[in-house]
């Protein structure tokens, strides 16, 4: 009994209380938490993908609705502020301007997710360039910054 108490005390001192009382199935718990995080990221990126596709098709209403859905799903996400701005856009040009910040946040999230690649258009954002995500399965660039006007302008980054 004394040895057990000593081990528990040392465990508390070294690893902190949470480690000492961690359940035996902590690995399963951590895996489940990681799966929830992945599912959340996937859901947010799917919403982003709907926005990008709508802008590519010059469909402001769908882009705004999808952006509002991102905000509704997680108001604290890094996607929330630019998505809210995009959902309030009055014109497709305003939406595309907000899309740049939305894309930057989505690209950071996608760094830890599989299934996406980054596309780039050098003419977007007043020739400053703009990046966005597309699914790995996409064979052609679908430019959300210019839509039908320059639908396939850009290239995939390596």
N, C-alpha and C. Protein backbone atom coordinates (compact mmCIF):
# COMPACT_ATOMS: atom_id res chain seq x y z
N UNK A 1 0.82 -1.20 0.00
CA UNK A 1 0.00 0.00 0.00
C UNK A 1 0.87 1.26 0.00
N UNK A 2 1.95 1.23 0.81
CA UNK A 2 2.83 2.39 0.87
C UNK A 2 3.48 2.65 -0.49
N UNK A 3 3.87 1.57 -1.18
CA UNK A 3 4.49 1.72 -2.50
C UNK A 3 3.52 2.34 -3.49
N UNK A 4 2.27 1.92 -3.46
CA UNK A 4 1.26 2.46 -4.35
C UNK A 4 1.06 3.95 -4.09
N UNK A 5 0.99 4.33 -2.82
CA UNK A 5 0.82 5.74 -2.47
C UNK A 5 2.02 6.56 -2.93
N UNK A 6 3.21 6.02 -2.74
CA UNK A 6 4.42 6.71 -3.17
C UNK A 6 4.43 6.89 -4.69
N UNK A 7 4.06 5.84 -5.42
CA UNK A 7 4.02 5.91 -6.89
C UNK A 7 2.99 6.94 -7.33
N UNK A 8 1.82 6.94 -6.71
CA UNK A 8 0.79 7.92 -7.06
C UNK A 8 1.25 9.34 -6.76
N UNK A 9 1.92 9.53 -5.63
CA UNK A 9 2.42 10.86 -5.27
C UNK A 9 3.47 11.33 -6.27
N UNK A 10 4.39 10.45 -6.63
CA UNK A 10 5.42 10.79 -7.61
C UNK A 10 4.77 11.07 -8.96
N UNK A 11 3.79 10.25 -9.33
CA UNK A 11 3.08 10.47 -10.60
C UNK A 11 2.42 11.84 -10.61
N UNK A 12 1.81 12.20 -9.49
CA UNK A 12 1.18 13.52 -9.41
C UNK A 12 2.21 14.63 -9.54
N UNK A 13 3.32 14.45 -8.89
CA UNK A 13 4.36 15.48 -8.91
C UNK A 13 4.99 15.62 -10.29
N UNK A 14 5.22 14.50 -10.96
CA UNK A 14 5.91 14.54 -12.25
C UNK A 14 4.97 14.86 -13.40
N UNK A 15 3.86 14.18 -13.44
CA UNK A 15 2.99 14.28 -14.60
C UNK A 15 1.79 15.19 -14.40
N UNK A 16 1.55 15.59 -13.19
CA UNK A 16 0.38 16.41 -12.94
C UNK A 16 -0.82 15.54 -12.64
N UNK A 17 -1.81 16.13 -12.03
CA UNK A 17 -2.99 15.39 -11.58
C UNK A 17 -3.69 14.66 -12.72
N UNK A 18 -3.84 15.31 -13.84
CA UNK A 18 -4.60 14.71 -14.94
C UNK A 18 -3.96 13.42 -15.44
N UNK A 19 -2.64 13.36 -15.44
CA UNK A 19 -1.98 12.13 -15.89
C UNK A 19 -2.16 11.02 -14.87
N UNK A 20 -2.14 11.35 -13.58
CA UNK A 20 -2.25 10.34 -12.54
C UNK A 20 -3.62 9.71 -12.52
N UNK A 21 -4.64 10.45 -12.85
CA UNK A 21 -5.99 9.91 -12.82
C UNK A 21 -6.52 9.60 -14.21
N UNK A 22 -5.64 9.58 -15.19
CA UNK A 22 -6.05 9.30 -16.55
C UNK A 22 -6.64 7.89 -16.62
N UNK A 23 -7.74 7.71 -17.32
CA UNK A 23 -8.33 6.38 -17.43
C UNK A 23 -7.41 5.42 -18.16
N UNK A 24 -7.62 4.14 -17.88
CA UNK A 24 -6.80 3.11 -18.52
C UNK A 24 -6.95 3.13 -20.03
N UNK A 25 -8.06 3.57 -20.50
CA UNK A 25 -8.33 3.58 -21.93
C UNK A 25 -8.06 4.96 -22.53
N UNK A 26 -7.06 5.62 -22.03
CA UNK A 26 -6.75 6.98 -22.48
C UNK A 26 -6.43 7.01 -23.96
N UNK A 27 -5.74 6.01 -24.45
CA UNK A 27 -5.41 5.98 -25.88
C UNK A 27 -6.67 5.96 -26.71
N UNK A 28 -7.66 5.18 -26.27
CA UNK A 28 -8.93 5.14 -26.99
C UNK A 28 -9.62 6.49 -26.91
N UNK A 29 -9.58 7.11 -25.74
CA UNK A 29 -10.20 8.42 -25.56
C UNK A 29 -9.53 9.46 -26.46
N UNK A 30 -8.20 9.45 -26.47
CA UNK A 30 -7.47 10.40 -27.32
C UNK A 30 -7.76 10.15 -28.78
N UNK A 31 -7.87 8.89 -29.18
CA UNK A 31 -8.19 8.57 -30.57
C UNK A 31 -9.59 9.09 -30.92
N UNK A 32 -10.52 8.90 -29.99
CA UNK A 32 -11.89 9.38 -30.23
C UNK A 32 -11.90 10.90 -30.34
N UNK A 33 -11.15 11.58 -29.47
CA UNK A 33 -11.08 13.04 -29.53
C UNK A 33 -10.46 13.49 -30.84
N UNK A 34 -9.39 12.80 -31.26
CA UNK A 34 -8.74 13.14 -32.52
C UNK A 34 -9.71 12.94 -33.69
N UNK A 35 -10.50 11.87 -33.63
CA UNK A 35 -11.48 11.60 -34.69
C UNK A 35 -12.53 12.70 -34.75
N UNK A 36 -12.95 13.19 -33.58
CA UNK A 36 -13.92 14.28 -33.54
C UNK A 36 -13.34 15.55 -34.15
N UNK A 37 -12.07 15.81 -33.84
CA UNK A 37 -11.41 16.99 -34.39
C UNK A 37 -11.30 16.87 -35.91
N UNK A 38 -10.92 15.68 -36.39
CA UNK A 38 -10.83 15.46 -37.84
C UNK A 38 -12.19 15.63 -38.49
N UNK A 39 -13.24 15.08 -37.87
CA UNK A 39 -14.59 15.20 -38.43
C UNK A 39 -15.01 16.67 -38.47
N UNK A 40 -14.67 17.42 -37.43
CA UNK A 40 -15.00 18.84 -37.40
C UNK A 40 -14.27 19.58 -38.52
N UNK A 41 -12.98 19.31 -38.67
CA UNK A 41 -12.19 19.95 -39.73
C UNK A 41 -12.75 19.59 -41.09
N UNK A 42 -13.09 18.33 -41.28
CA UNK A 42 -13.66 17.89 -42.56
C UNK A 42 -14.96 18.64 -42.85
N UNK A 43 -15.79 18.79 -41.83
CA UNK A 43 -17.07 19.49 -42.02
C UNK A 43 -16.83 20.96 -42.40
N UNK A 44 -15.90 21.60 -41.72
CA UNK A 44 -15.60 23.00 -42.02
C UNK A 44 -15.02 23.14 -43.43
N UNK A 45 -14.15 22.22 -43.82
CA UNK A 45 -13.56 22.29 -45.16
C UNK A 45 -14.58 21.98 -46.24
N UNK A 46 -15.54 21.12 -45.95
CA UNK A 46 -16.61 20.87 -46.92
C UNK A 46 -17.44 22.14 -47.13
N UNK A 47 -17.73 22.85 -46.04
CA UNK A 47 -18.44 24.13 -46.16
C UNK A 47 -17.65 25.12 -46.99
N UNK A 48 -16.35 25.18 -46.73
CA UNK A 48 -15.47 26.04 -47.51
C UNK A 48 -15.52 25.65 -48.98
N UNK A 49 -15.51 24.36 -49.25
CA UNK A 49 -15.53 23.86 -50.63
C UNK A 49 -16.80 24.29 -51.36
N UNK A 50 -17.91 24.32 -50.65
CA UNK A 50 -19.18 24.77 -51.24
C UNK A 50 -19.07 26.26 -51.60
N UNK A 51 -18.48 27.04 -50.71
CA UNK A 51 -18.28 28.47 -50.98
C UNK A 51 -17.42 28.65 -52.23
N UNK A 52 -16.28 27.95 -52.28
CA UNK A 52 -15.37 28.08 -53.42
C UNK A 52 -16.05 27.68 -54.72
N UNK A 53 -16.79 26.59 -54.69
CA UNK A 53 -17.49 26.12 -55.88
C UNK A 53 -18.55 27.12 -56.34
N UNK A 54 -19.26 27.70 -55.38
CA UNK A 54 -20.29 28.69 -55.72
C UNK A 54 -19.66 29.94 -56.34
N UNK A 55 -18.55 30.39 -55.80
CA UNK A 55 -17.88 31.56 -56.38
C UNK A 55 -17.34 31.25 -57.77
N UNK A 56 -16.84 30.05 -57.96
CA UNK A 56 -16.39 29.61 -59.29
C UNK A 56 -17.55 29.68 -60.29
N UNK A 57 -18.75 29.37 -59.82
CA UNK A 57 -19.95 29.38 -60.68
C UNK A 57 -20.66 30.73 -60.67
N UNK A 58 -20.05 31.74 -60.05
CA UNK A 58 -20.65 33.09 -59.95
C UNK A 58 -22.00 33.07 -59.24
N UNK A 59 -22.16 32.20 -58.26
CA UNK A 59 -23.42 32.03 -57.53
C UNK A 59 -23.29 32.65 -56.13
N UNK A 60 -23.56 33.94 -56.05
CA UNK A 60 -23.41 34.67 -54.80
C UNK A 60 -24.32 34.13 -53.70
N UNK A 61 -25.57 33.82 -54.03
CA UNK A 61 -26.52 33.36 -53.01
C UNK A 61 -26.04 32.08 -52.33
N UNK A 62 -25.57 31.12 -53.11
CA UNK A 62 -25.09 29.86 -52.54
C UNK A 62 -23.82 30.08 -51.73
N UNK A 63 -22.93 30.93 -52.22
CA UNK A 63 -21.69 31.23 -51.48
C UNK A 63 -22.01 31.84 -50.12
N UNK A 64 -22.95 32.79 -50.09
CA UNK A 64 -23.33 33.44 -48.85
C UNK A 64 -23.98 32.45 -47.88
N UNK A 65 -24.84 31.59 -48.40
CA UNK A 65 -25.53 30.60 -47.57
C UNK A 65 -24.52 29.61 -46.98
N UNK A 66 -23.59 29.14 -47.78
CA UNK A 66 -22.58 28.20 -47.29
C UNK A 66 -21.67 28.87 -46.26
N UNK A 67 -21.31 30.12 -46.49
CA UNK A 67 -20.47 30.85 -45.53
C UNK A 67 -21.21 31.03 -44.20
N UNK A 68 -22.49 31.33 -44.27
CA UNK A 68 -23.29 31.46 -43.05
C UNK A 68 -23.34 30.12 -42.31
N UNK A 69 -23.38 29.03 -43.05
CA UNK A 69 -23.37 27.70 -42.45
C UNK A 69 -22.08 27.41 -41.70
N UNK A 70 -20.96 27.88 -42.23
CA UNK A 70 -19.67 27.72 -41.56
C UNK A 70 -19.71 28.44 -40.21
N UNK A 71 -20.21 29.66 -40.21
CA UNK A 71 -20.29 30.45 -38.98
C UNK A 71 -21.22 29.76 -37.98
N UNK A 72 -22.35 29.29 -38.45
CA UNK A 72 -23.32 28.63 -37.57
C UNK A 72 -22.72 27.38 -36.94
N UNK A 73 -21.93 26.64 -37.71
CA UNK A 73 -21.34 25.39 -37.22
C UNK A 73 -20.31 25.65 -36.13
N UNK A 74 -19.52 26.70 -36.26
CA UNK A 74 -18.48 26.96 -35.26
C UNK A 74 -18.08 28.43 -35.29
N UNK A 75 -18.64 29.19 -34.38
CA UNK A 75 -18.38 30.63 -34.31
C UNK A 75 -16.95 30.96 -33.88
N UNK A 76 -16.23 29.98 -33.31
CA UNK A 76 -14.88 30.23 -32.81
C UNK A 76 -13.80 29.75 -33.77
N UNK A 77 -14.20 29.14 -34.85
CA UNK A 77 -13.23 28.65 -35.83
C UNK A 77 -12.50 29.81 -36.50
N UNK A 78 -11.30 29.52 -36.98
CA UNK A 78 -10.54 30.54 -37.72
C UNK A 78 -11.25 30.91 -39.02
N UNK A 79 -12.18 30.08 -39.44
CA UNK A 79 -12.95 30.37 -40.66
C UNK A 79 -14.14 31.30 -40.38
N UNK A 80 -14.52 31.42 -39.12
CA UNK A 80 -15.77 32.12 -38.78
C UNK A 80 -15.79 33.59 -39.20
N UNK A 81 -14.78 34.36 -38.85
CA UNK A 81 -14.80 35.80 -39.16
C UNK A 81 -14.83 36.07 -40.66
N UNK A 82 -13.93 35.46 -41.45
CA UNK A 82 -14.03 35.72 -42.89
C UNK A 82 -15.30 35.14 -43.51
N UNK A 83 -15.80 34.04 -42.95
CA UNK A 83 -17.05 33.47 -43.47
C UNK A 83 -18.22 34.40 -43.18
N UNK A 84 -18.22 35.00 -41.99
CA UNK A 84 -19.29 35.95 -41.65
C UNK A 84 -19.24 37.16 -42.58
N UNK A 85 -18.04 37.66 -42.82
CA UNK A 85 -17.89 38.80 -43.73
C UNK A 85 -18.41 38.43 -45.13
N UNK A 86 -18.05 37.25 -45.59
CA UNK A 86 -18.50 36.80 -46.91
C UNK A 86 -20.02 36.63 -46.94
N UNK A 87 -20.59 36.11 -45.86
CA UNK A 87 -22.05 35.89 -45.83
C UNK A 87 -22.82 37.21 -45.88
N UNK A 88 -22.16 38.31 -45.52
CA UNK A 88 -22.80 39.64 -45.56
C UNK A 88 -22.48 40.43 -46.83
N UNK A 89 -21.75 39.82 -47.74
CA UNK A 89 -21.35 40.52 -48.98
C UNK A 89 -22.58 40.91 -49.80
N UNK A 90 -22.52 42.10 -50.36
CA UNK A 90 -23.62 42.59 -51.21
C UNK A 90 -23.39 42.26 -52.68
N UNK A 91 -22.13 42.05 -53.05
CA UNK A 91 -21.81 41.76 -54.45
C UNK A 91 -20.85 40.57 -54.52
N UNK A 92 -20.75 39.99 -55.69
CA UNK A 92 -19.81 38.89 -55.90
C UNK A 92 -18.37 39.38 -55.70
N UNK A 93 -18.09 40.63 -56.06
CA UNK A 93 -16.75 41.19 -55.86
C UNK A 93 -16.40 41.27 -54.37
N UNK A 94 -17.36 41.71 -53.55
CA UNK A 94 -17.14 41.75 -52.10
C UNK A 94 -16.92 40.35 -51.54
N UNK A 95 -17.70 39.40 -52.02
CA UNK A 95 -17.57 38.01 -51.56
C UNK A 95 -16.19 37.47 -51.91
N UNK A 96 -15.72 37.76 -53.09
CA UNK A 96 -14.41 37.26 -53.51
C UNK A 96 -13.29 37.91 -52.71
N UNK A 97 -13.47 39.14 -52.32
CA UNK A 97 -12.47 39.81 -51.48
C UNK A 97 -12.40 39.12 -50.12
N UNK A 98 -13.54 38.79 -49.54
CA UNK A 98 -13.59 38.07 -48.26
C UNK A 98 -13.07 36.65 -48.40
N UNK A 99 -13.25 36.08 -49.58
CA UNK A 99 -12.82 34.70 -49.83
C UNK A 99 -11.32 34.53 -49.65
N UNK A 100 -10.55 35.57 -49.91
CA UNK A 100 -9.10 35.48 -49.76
C UNK A 100 -8.72 35.13 -48.31
N UNK A 101 -9.31 35.81 -47.34
CA UNK A 101 -9.04 35.52 -45.92
C UNK A 101 -9.60 34.17 -45.52
N UNK A 102 -10.76 33.83 -46.05
CA UNK A 102 -11.36 32.52 -45.78
C UNK A 102 -10.44 31.41 -46.29
N UNK A 103 -9.88 31.60 -47.46
CA UNK A 103 -8.97 30.60 -48.03
C UNK A 103 -7.71 30.45 -47.20
N UNK A 104 -7.16 31.55 -46.74
CA UNK A 104 -5.94 31.48 -45.92
C UNK A 104 -6.19 30.64 -44.67
N UNK A 105 -7.33 30.83 -44.03
CA UNK A 105 -7.67 30.05 -42.83
C UNK A 105 -7.91 28.58 -43.18
N UNK A 106 -8.60 28.33 -44.29
CA UNK A 106 -8.89 26.95 -44.70
C UNK A 106 -7.61 26.21 -45.06
N UNK A 107 -6.69 26.88 -45.70
CA UNK A 107 -5.41 26.25 -46.08
C UNK A 107 -4.65 25.81 -44.83
N UNK A 108 -4.68 26.62 -43.78
CA UNK A 108 -4.01 26.24 -42.53
C UNK A 108 -4.66 24.99 -41.93
N UNK A 109 -5.97 24.93 -41.96
CA UNK A 109 -6.68 23.75 -41.44
C UNK A 109 -6.34 22.53 -42.28
N UNK A 110 -6.30 22.70 -43.58
CA UNK A 110 -6.07 21.57 -44.49
C UNK A 110 -4.65 21.02 -44.42
N UNK A 111 -3.73 21.76 -43.83
CA UNK A 111 -2.36 21.26 -43.70
C UNK A 111 -2.30 19.95 -42.94
N UNK A 112 -3.25 19.73 -42.04
CA UNK A 112 -3.28 18.50 -41.26
C UNK A 112 -4.30 17.50 -41.78
N UNK A 113 -4.96 17.82 -42.85
CA UNK A 113 -5.99 16.94 -43.42
C UNK A 113 -5.54 16.42 -44.78
N UNK A 114 -6.01 15.25 -45.10
CA UNK A 114 -5.73 14.69 -46.43
C UNK A 114 -6.88 15.03 -47.36
N UNK A 115 -6.61 15.00 -48.64
CA UNK A 115 -7.69 15.16 -49.60
C UNK A 115 -7.79 16.52 -50.27
N UNK A 116 -6.89 17.43 -49.92
CA UNK A 116 -6.96 18.77 -50.51
C UNK A 116 -5.60 19.19 -51.07
N UNK A 117 -5.67 20.05 -52.07
CA UNK A 117 -4.45 20.65 -52.62
C UNK A 117 -4.70 22.14 -52.81
N UNK A 118 -3.63 22.89 -52.88
CA UNK A 118 -3.72 24.35 -52.99
C UNK A 118 -3.57 24.75 -54.45
N UNK A 119 -4.47 25.61 -54.89
CA UNK A 119 -4.41 26.19 -56.24
C UNK A 119 -4.04 27.66 -56.08
N UNK A 120 -3.50 28.22 -57.14
CA UNK A 120 -3.05 29.62 -57.10
C UNK A 120 -3.36 30.30 -58.42
N UNK A 121 -3.86 31.53 -58.31
CA UNK A 121 -4.06 32.38 -59.48
C UNK A 121 -3.23 33.64 -59.27
N UNK A 122 -2.26 33.89 -60.13
CA UNK A 122 -1.40 35.07 -59.96
C UNK A 122 -2.12 36.39 -60.21
N UNK A 123 -3.27 36.35 -60.87
CA UNK A 123 -3.98 37.58 -61.21
C UNK A 123 -5.02 37.98 -60.16
N UNK A 124 -5.32 37.10 -59.22
CA UNK A 124 -6.33 37.39 -58.20
C UNK A 124 -5.85 38.51 -57.28
N UNK A 125 -6.78 39.15 -56.64
CA UNK A 125 -6.47 40.20 -55.66
C UNK A 125 -5.59 41.30 -56.24
N UNK A 126 -6.00 41.83 -57.37
CA UNK A 126 -5.28 42.93 -58.00
C UNK A 126 -3.86 42.56 -58.38
N UNK A 127 -3.70 41.38 -58.93
CA UNK A 127 -2.40 40.84 -59.36
C UNK A 127 -1.43 40.54 -58.21
N UNK A 128 -1.95 40.50 -56.99
CA UNK A 128 -1.13 40.08 -55.84
C UNK A 128 -1.12 38.56 -55.73
N UNK A 129 -2.08 37.94 -56.37
CA UNK A 129 -2.22 36.48 -56.31
C UNK A 129 -3.18 36.05 -55.23
N UNK A 130 -3.72 34.89 -55.43
CA UNK A 130 -4.65 34.33 -54.45
C UNK A 130 -4.61 32.81 -54.48
N UNK A 131 -4.66 32.22 -53.31
CA UNK A 131 -4.67 30.77 -53.18
C UNK A 131 -6.05 30.31 -52.73
N UNK A 132 -6.34 29.05 -52.99
CA UNK A 132 -7.56 28.42 -52.51
C UNK A 132 -7.35 26.93 -52.50
N UNK A 133 -8.27 26.23 -51.84
CA UNK A 133 -8.22 24.77 -51.78
C UNK A 133 -9.13 24.14 -52.80
N UNK A 134 -8.69 23.03 -53.32
CA UNK A 134 -9.54 22.16 -54.13
C UNK A 134 -9.26 20.74 -53.70
N UNK A 135 -10.19 19.86 -53.99
CA UNK A 135 -10.01 18.46 -53.64
C UNK A 135 -8.92 17.84 -54.51
N UNK A 136 -8.21 16.89 -53.92
CA UNK A 136 -7.15 16.20 -54.67
C UNK A 136 -7.67 15.55 -55.94
N UNK A 137 -8.93 15.15 -55.93
CA UNK A 137 -9.51 14.48 -57.10
C UNK A 137 -9.78 15.44 -58.26
N UNK A 138 -9.77 16.74 -58.02
CA UNK A 138 -10.00 17.71 -59.09
C UNK A 138 -8.82 17.71 -60.06
N UNK A 139 -9.13 17.61 -61.33
CA UNK A 139 -8.08 17.58 -62.36
C UNK A 139 -7.82 18.97 -62.94
N UNK A 140 -8.81 19.84 -62.89
CA UNK A 140 -8.65 21.19 -63.44
C UNK A 140 -8.83 22.24 -62.34
N UNK A 141 -8.18 23.35 -62.53
CA UNK A 141 -8.32 24.48 -61.62
C UNK A 141 -9.69 25.12 -61.87
N UNK A 142 -10.43 25.35 -60.80
CA UNK A 142 -11.73 26.03 -60.87
C UNK A 142 -11.62 27.31 -60.05
N UNK A 143 -11.36 28.41 -60.74
CA UNK A 143 -10.98 29.65 -60.10
C UNK A 143 -12.17 30.39 -59.47
N UNK A 144 -12.24 30.44 -58.13
CA UNK A 144 -13.32 31.15 -57.46
C UNK A 144 -13.14 32.66 -57.46
N UNK A 145 -11.94 33.14 -57.76
CA UNK A 145 -11.69 34.58 -57.76
C UNK A 145 -12.22 35.27 -59.01
N UNK A 146 -12.33 34.54 -60.10
CA UNK A 146 -12.81 35.14 -61.35
C UNK A 146 -14.05 34.47 -61.92
N UNK A 147 -14.39 33.29 -61.46
CA UNK A 147 -15.58 32.61 -61.95
C UNK A 147 -15.55 32.40 -63.44
N UNK A 148 -16.69 32.57 -64.09
CA UNK A 148 -16.82 32.30 -65.53
C UNK A 148 -15.88 33.14 -66.38
N UNK A 149 -15.54 34.33 -65.90
CA UNK A 149 -14.68 35.23 -66.68
C UNK A 149 -13.31 34.58 -66.97
N UNK A 150 -12.77 33.88 -66.00
CA UNK A 150 -11.46 33.21 -66.15
C UNK A 150 -11.50 31.92 -65.32
N UNK A 151 -12.42 31.06 -65.68
CA UNK A 151 -12.75 29.88 -64.88
C UNK A 151 -11.57 28.99 -64.53
N UNK A 152 -10.64 28.85 -65.42
CA UNK A 152 -9.55 27.90 -65.19
C UNK A 152 -8.17 28.57 -65.12
N UNK A 153 -8.16 29.85 -64.79
CA UNK A 153 -6.90 30.58 -64.63
C UNK A 153 -6.23 30.14 -63.34
N UNK A 154 -4.99 29.75 -63.43
CA UNK A 154 -4.24 29.35 -62.25
C UNK A 154 -3.63 27.98 -62.41
N UNK A 155 -3.01 27.52 -61.36
CA UNK A 155 -2.38 26.20 -61.38
C UNK A 155 -2.36 25.64 -59.96
N UNK A 156 -2.12 24.34 -59.88
CA UNK A 156 -1.99 23.70 -58.57
C UNK A 156 -0.56 23.85 -58.09
N UNK A 157 -0.43 24.16 -56.81
CA UNK A 157 0.91 24.25 -56.21
C UNK A 157 1.38 22.84 -55.89
N UNK A 158 2.67 22.67 -55.90
CA UNK A 158 3.23 21.34 -55.57
C UNK A 158 3.42 21.21 -54.09
